[in-house]
């Protein structure tokens, strides 16, 4: 029997993934962990054939776990499941040994097929991630700079704006990023000021127009 280890700190999502994998893949033993520490306890007792790993874990970066597991078990299929869509994290994860990258908002469309795809030797990718990788290999023609360049957004401001663009509410963004709703609101106010806009819709439009976000 093959073994799947799911490393996800969100209890509801973790239980959903366990149930789905168990129901769709009777030939697999499914284990679960809510942190890096718990994952290592599981790994002391088994050699996984596949892993689903979140990147934003409470006690560290999931990329570190991907790298160490890939080095220890090169044939293990490692799939990232995360809210982070920025190119830096995607590339780091794939370079560390991940064979797939699914954004959590896309999971309802993929959950039932993930195990079958992995069994078939596939590499599941969210459409926006696949597009980003293709554009990295074949970048579009450079755009003519606008007359007035905007003040650069911070990495956190871009994360908040990207999640807004994907339809997350302020409270959900705060929970996903480990921030308070007040801090999320403060980041968005900074975004509005830097982009010279007055609403979330305008901010998302302006950010897309300037290539700051790709969602």
Protein backbone atom coordinates (compact mmCIF):
# COMPACT_ATOMS: atom_id res chain seq x y z
CA UNK A 1 0.00 0.00 0.00
CA UNK A 2 1.30 3.45 -0.94
CA UNK A 3 1.47 6.28 1.59
CA UNK A 4 0.31 9.90 1.22
CA UNK A 5 1.26 12.50 3.83
CA UNK A 6 -0.80 15.71 3.92
CA UNK A 7 0.88 18.64 5.72
CA UNK A 8 -1.71 21.41 6.22
CA UNK A 9 -2.37 23.56 9.30
CA UNK A 10 -5.97 24.45 8.42
CA UNK A 11 -7.99 21.73 10.13
CA UNK A 12 -11.06 21.88 7.90
CA UNK A 13 -9.04 21.75 4.69
CA UNK A 14 -6.76 19.04 6.06
CA UNK A 15 -9.71 16.82 6.99
CA UNK A 16 -11.34 17.45 3.61
CA UNK A 17 -8.17 16.42 1.76
CA UNK A 18 -7.79 13.31 3.91
CA UNK A 19 -11.40 12.27 3.26
CA UNK A 20 -11.16 12.95 -0.46
CA UNK A 21 -7.87 11.09 -0.89
CA UNK A 22 -9.11 8.14 1.15
CA UNK A 23 -12.35 7.91 -0.82
CA UNK A 24 -10.80 8.31 -4.27
CA UNK A 25 -7.69 6.16 -3.73
CA UNK A 26 -8.37 2.97 -1.76
CA UNK A 27 -4.84 1.72 -2.46
CA UNK A 28 -3.31 4.53 -0.45
CA UNK A 29 -2.70 4.95 3.26
CA UNK A 30 -3.35 8.61 4.13
CA UNK A 31 -1.56 10.36 6.98
CA UNK A 32 -1.87 14.00 8.08
CA UNK A 33 0.18 16.59 9.96
CA UNK A 34 -0.57 20.17 11.00
CA UNK A 35 3.02 21.47 11.25
CA UNK A 36 6.61 20.77 10.25
CA UNK A 37 7.29 19.16 13.62
CA UNK A 38 4.33 16.80 13.31
CA UNK A 39 5.28 16.02 9.72
CA UNK A 40 8.76 14.91 10.80
CA UNK A 41 7.24 12.66 13.45
CA UNK A 42 5.19 10.99 10.72
CA UNK A 43 8.20 10.72 8.43
CA UNK A 44 10.18 8.87 11.09
CA UNK A 45 7.62 6.06 10.78
CA UNK A 46 7.08 5.92 7.03
CA UNK A 47 8.59 6.65 3.64
CA UNK A 48 5.91 8.56 1.71
CA UNK A 49 5.13 7.94 -1.93
CA UNK A 50 3.40 11.32 -2.22
CA UNK A 51 3.00 14.47 -0.13
CA UNK A 52 0.66 17.47 -0.17
CA UNK A 53 2.47 20.37 1.53
CA UNK A 54 1.27 23.84 2.49
CA UNK A 55 3.95 26.54 2.40
CA UNK A 56 2.74 28.80 5.22
CA UNK A 57 3.05 26.46 8.20
CA UNK A 58 2.97 27.72 11.82
CA UNK A 59 6.51 26.58 12.61
CA UNK A 60 8.34 27.24 9.35
CA UNK A 61 8.44 27.32 5.57
CA UNK A 62 7.06 24.31 3.72
CA UNK A 63 9.77 24.73 1.06
CA UNK A 64 12.34 23.50 3.57
CA UNK A 65 10.33 20.31 4.07
CA UNK A 66 10.00 19.85 0.30
CA UNK A 67 13.75 20.16 -0.19
CA UNK A 68 14.66 17.72 2.59
CA UNK A 69 12.05 15.14 1.58
CA UNK A 70 13.02 15.33 -2.09
CA UNK A 71 16.66 14.78 -1.18
CA UNK A 72 15.75 11.83 1.07
CA UNK A 73 13.14 10.26 -1.26
CA UNK A 74 13.65 11.48 -4.86
CA UNK A 75 10.78 9.35 -6.17
CA UNK A 76 8.24 10.89 -3.77
CA UNK A 77 5.68 13.07 -5.63
CA UNK A 78 5.41 16.37 -3.74
CA UNK A 79 2.49 18.70 -4.45
CA UNK A 80 2.26 22.25 -3.09
CA UNK A 81 -1.15 23.42 -1.89
CA UNK A 82 -1.07 27.10 -0.93
CA UNK A 83 -2.58 30.59 -1.25
CA UNK A 84 0.71 32.07 -2.45
CA UNK A 85 0.83 32.68 -6.19
CA UNK A 86 3.94 34.84 -6.45
CA UNK A 87 6.58 33.65 -8.89
CA UNK A 88 9.36 33.57 -6.30
CA UNK A 89 7.60 30.97 -4.14
CA UNK A 90 6.55 28.93 -7.16
CA UNK A 91 10.10 28.73 -8.52
CA UNK A 92 11.60 28.00 -5.08
CA UNK A 93 9.11 25.17 -4.54
CA UNK A 94 9.70 23.58 -7.93
CA UNK A 95 13.47 23.92 -7.61
CA UNK A 96 13.26 22.30 -4.17
CA UNK A 97 11.58 19.24 -5.69
CA UNK A 98 7.83 19.87 -5.94
CA UNK A 99 6.13 18.28 -8.97
CA UNK A 100 2.92 20.33 -8.80
CA UNK A 101 1.49 23.60 -7.46
CA UNK A 102 -2.22 24.10 -6.73
CA UNK A 103 -3.67 27.31 -5.30
CA UNK A 104 -6.21 26.71 -2.55
CA UNK A 105 -9.02 28.66 -4.29
CA UNK A 106 -8.64 26.20 -7.21
CA UNK A 107 -8.88 23.08 -5.04
CA UNK A 108 -12.64 22.54 -5.51
CA UNK A 109 -11.93 21.98 -9.23
CA UNK A 110 -8.98 19.64 -8.65
CA UNK A 111 -9.41 17.77 -5.37
CA UNK A 112 -11.16 14.75 -6.87
CA UNK A 113 -8.47 14.32 -9.55
CA UNK A 114 -5.25 14.99 -7.65
CA UNK A 115 -4.53 11.41 -6.64
CA UNK A 116 -5.40 10.04 -10.08
CA UNK A 117 -3.15 12.65 -11.71
CA UNK A 118 -0.25 11.80 -9.41
CA UNK A 119 -0.79 8.06 -9.93
CA UNK A 120 -0.58 8.67 -13.67
CA UNK A 121 2.71 10.54 -13.29
CA UNK A 122 1.19 13.97 -13.91
CA UNK A 123 2.15 17.35 -12.47
CA UNK A 124 -0.96 19.27 -11.37
CA UNK A 125 -0.71 23.04 -11.82
CA UNK A 126 -3.26 25.79 -11.27
CA UNK A 127 -3.95 27.56 -14.60
CA UNK A 128 -2.53 30.88 -13.39
CA UNK A 129 0.65 29.14 -12.22
CA UNK A 130 1.04 27.33 -15.54
CA UNK A 131 0.55 30.63 -17.38
CA UNK A 132 3.13 32.34 -15.16
CA UNK A 133 5.71 29.63 -15.90
CA UNK A 134 5.04 29.84 -19.64
CA UNK A 135 5.42 33.62 -19.59
CA UNK A 136 8.68 33.21 -17.67
CA UNK A 137 10.01 31.13 -20.55
CA UNK A 138 8.41 33.33 -23.23
CA UNK A 139 8.06 36.82 -21.73
CA UNK A 140 5.65 39.19 -23.51
CA UNK A 141 7.06 42.23 -25.34
CA UNK A 142 8.11 45.01 -22.99
CA UNK A 143 5.46 47.65 -22.44
CA UNK A 144 6.22 51.31 -22.90
CA UNK A 145 6.68 52.82 -19.43
CA UNK A 146 3.85 54.99 -18.24
CA UNK A 147 4.51 58.69 -17.77
CA UNK A 148 4.26 58.49 -13.99
CA UNK A 149 5.66 55.42 -12.27
CA UNK A 150 3.86 54.38 -9.10
CA UNK A 151 5.62 54.05 -5.78
CA UNK A 152 6.71 50.43 -5.40
CA UNK A 153 4.40 48.16 -3.41
CA UNK A 154 5.92 46.06 -0.64
CA UNK A 155 5.83 42.25 -0.80
CA UNK A 156 3.12 42.15 1.88
CA UNK A 157 1.02 44.77 0.08
CA UNK A 158 1.24 42.70 -3.10
CA UNK A 159 0.16 39.55 -1.18
CA UNK A 160 -2.85 41.36 0.28
CA UNK A 161 -3.82 42.84 -3.09
CA UNK A 162 -3.41 39.48 -4.86
CA UNK A 163 -5.74 37.80 -2.38
CA UNK A 164 -8.25 40.64 -2.79
CA UNK A 165 -8.11 40.09 -6.54
CA UNK A 166 -8.91 36.40 -5.99
CA UNK A 167 -12.06 37.31 -4.07
CA UNK A 168 -10.96 36.79 -0.47
CA UNK A 169 -12.61 38.96 2.20
CA UNK A 170 -10.52 41.05 4.59
CA UNK A 171 -11.08 38.66 7.51
CA UNK A 172 -10.05 35.69 5.35
CA UNK A 173 -6.91 37.50 4.19
CA UNK A 174 -6.04 38.30 7.78
CA UNK A 175 -6.39 34.63 8.76
CA UNK A 176 -4.41 33.33 5.77
CA UNK A 177 -1.50 35.73 6.32
CA UNK A 178 -1.54 35.65 10.11
CA UNK A 179 -2.41 39.34 10.38
CA UNK A 180 -5.12 41.34 12.12
CA UNK A 181 -7.98 42.76 9.99
CA UNK A 182 -6.76 46.22 11.02
CA UNK A 183 -3.31 45.50 9.55
CA UNK A 184 -4.86 44.18 6.32
CA UNK A 185 -6.88 47.39 6.04
CA UNK A 186 -3.74 49.46 6.66
CA UNK A 187 -1.90 47.63 3.86
CA UNK A 188 -4.79 48.28 1.47
CA UNK A 189 -4.80 51.99 2.35
CA UNK A 190 -1.11 52.09 1.47
CA UNK A 191 -1.88 50.34 -1.82
CA UNK A 192 -4.59 52.88 -2.66
CA UNK A 193 -2.20 55.76 -1.91
CA UNK A 194 0.67 54.32 -3.91
CA UNK A 195 -1.51 53.47 -6.92
CA UNK A 196 -3.47 56.74 -6.65
CA UNK A 197 -6.86 54.97 -6.55
CA UNK A 198 -9.89 55.05 -4.27
CA UNK A 199 -11.31 51.51 -4.30
CA UNK A 200 -10.33 47.86 -4.30
CA UNK A 201 -11.59 47.40 -7.86
CA UNK A 202 -9.49 50.31 -9.09
CA UNK A 203 -6.44 49.00 -7.22
CA UNK A 204 -6.78 45.54 -8.78
CA UNK A 205 -7.28 47.02 -12.25
CA UNK A 206 -4.27 49.33 -11.91
CA UNK A 207 -2.08 46.55 -10.51
CA UNK A 208 -2.98 44.23 -13.37
CA UNK A 209 -2.42 46.97 -15.92
CA UNK A 210 1.07 47.57 -14.56
CA UNK A 211 1.92 43.87 -14.26
CA UNK A 212 2.11 43.95 -10.46
CA UNK A 213 -0.24 40.98 -10.05
CA UNK A 214 -1.23 38.21 -12.46
CA UNK A 215 -4.62 37.12 -11.06
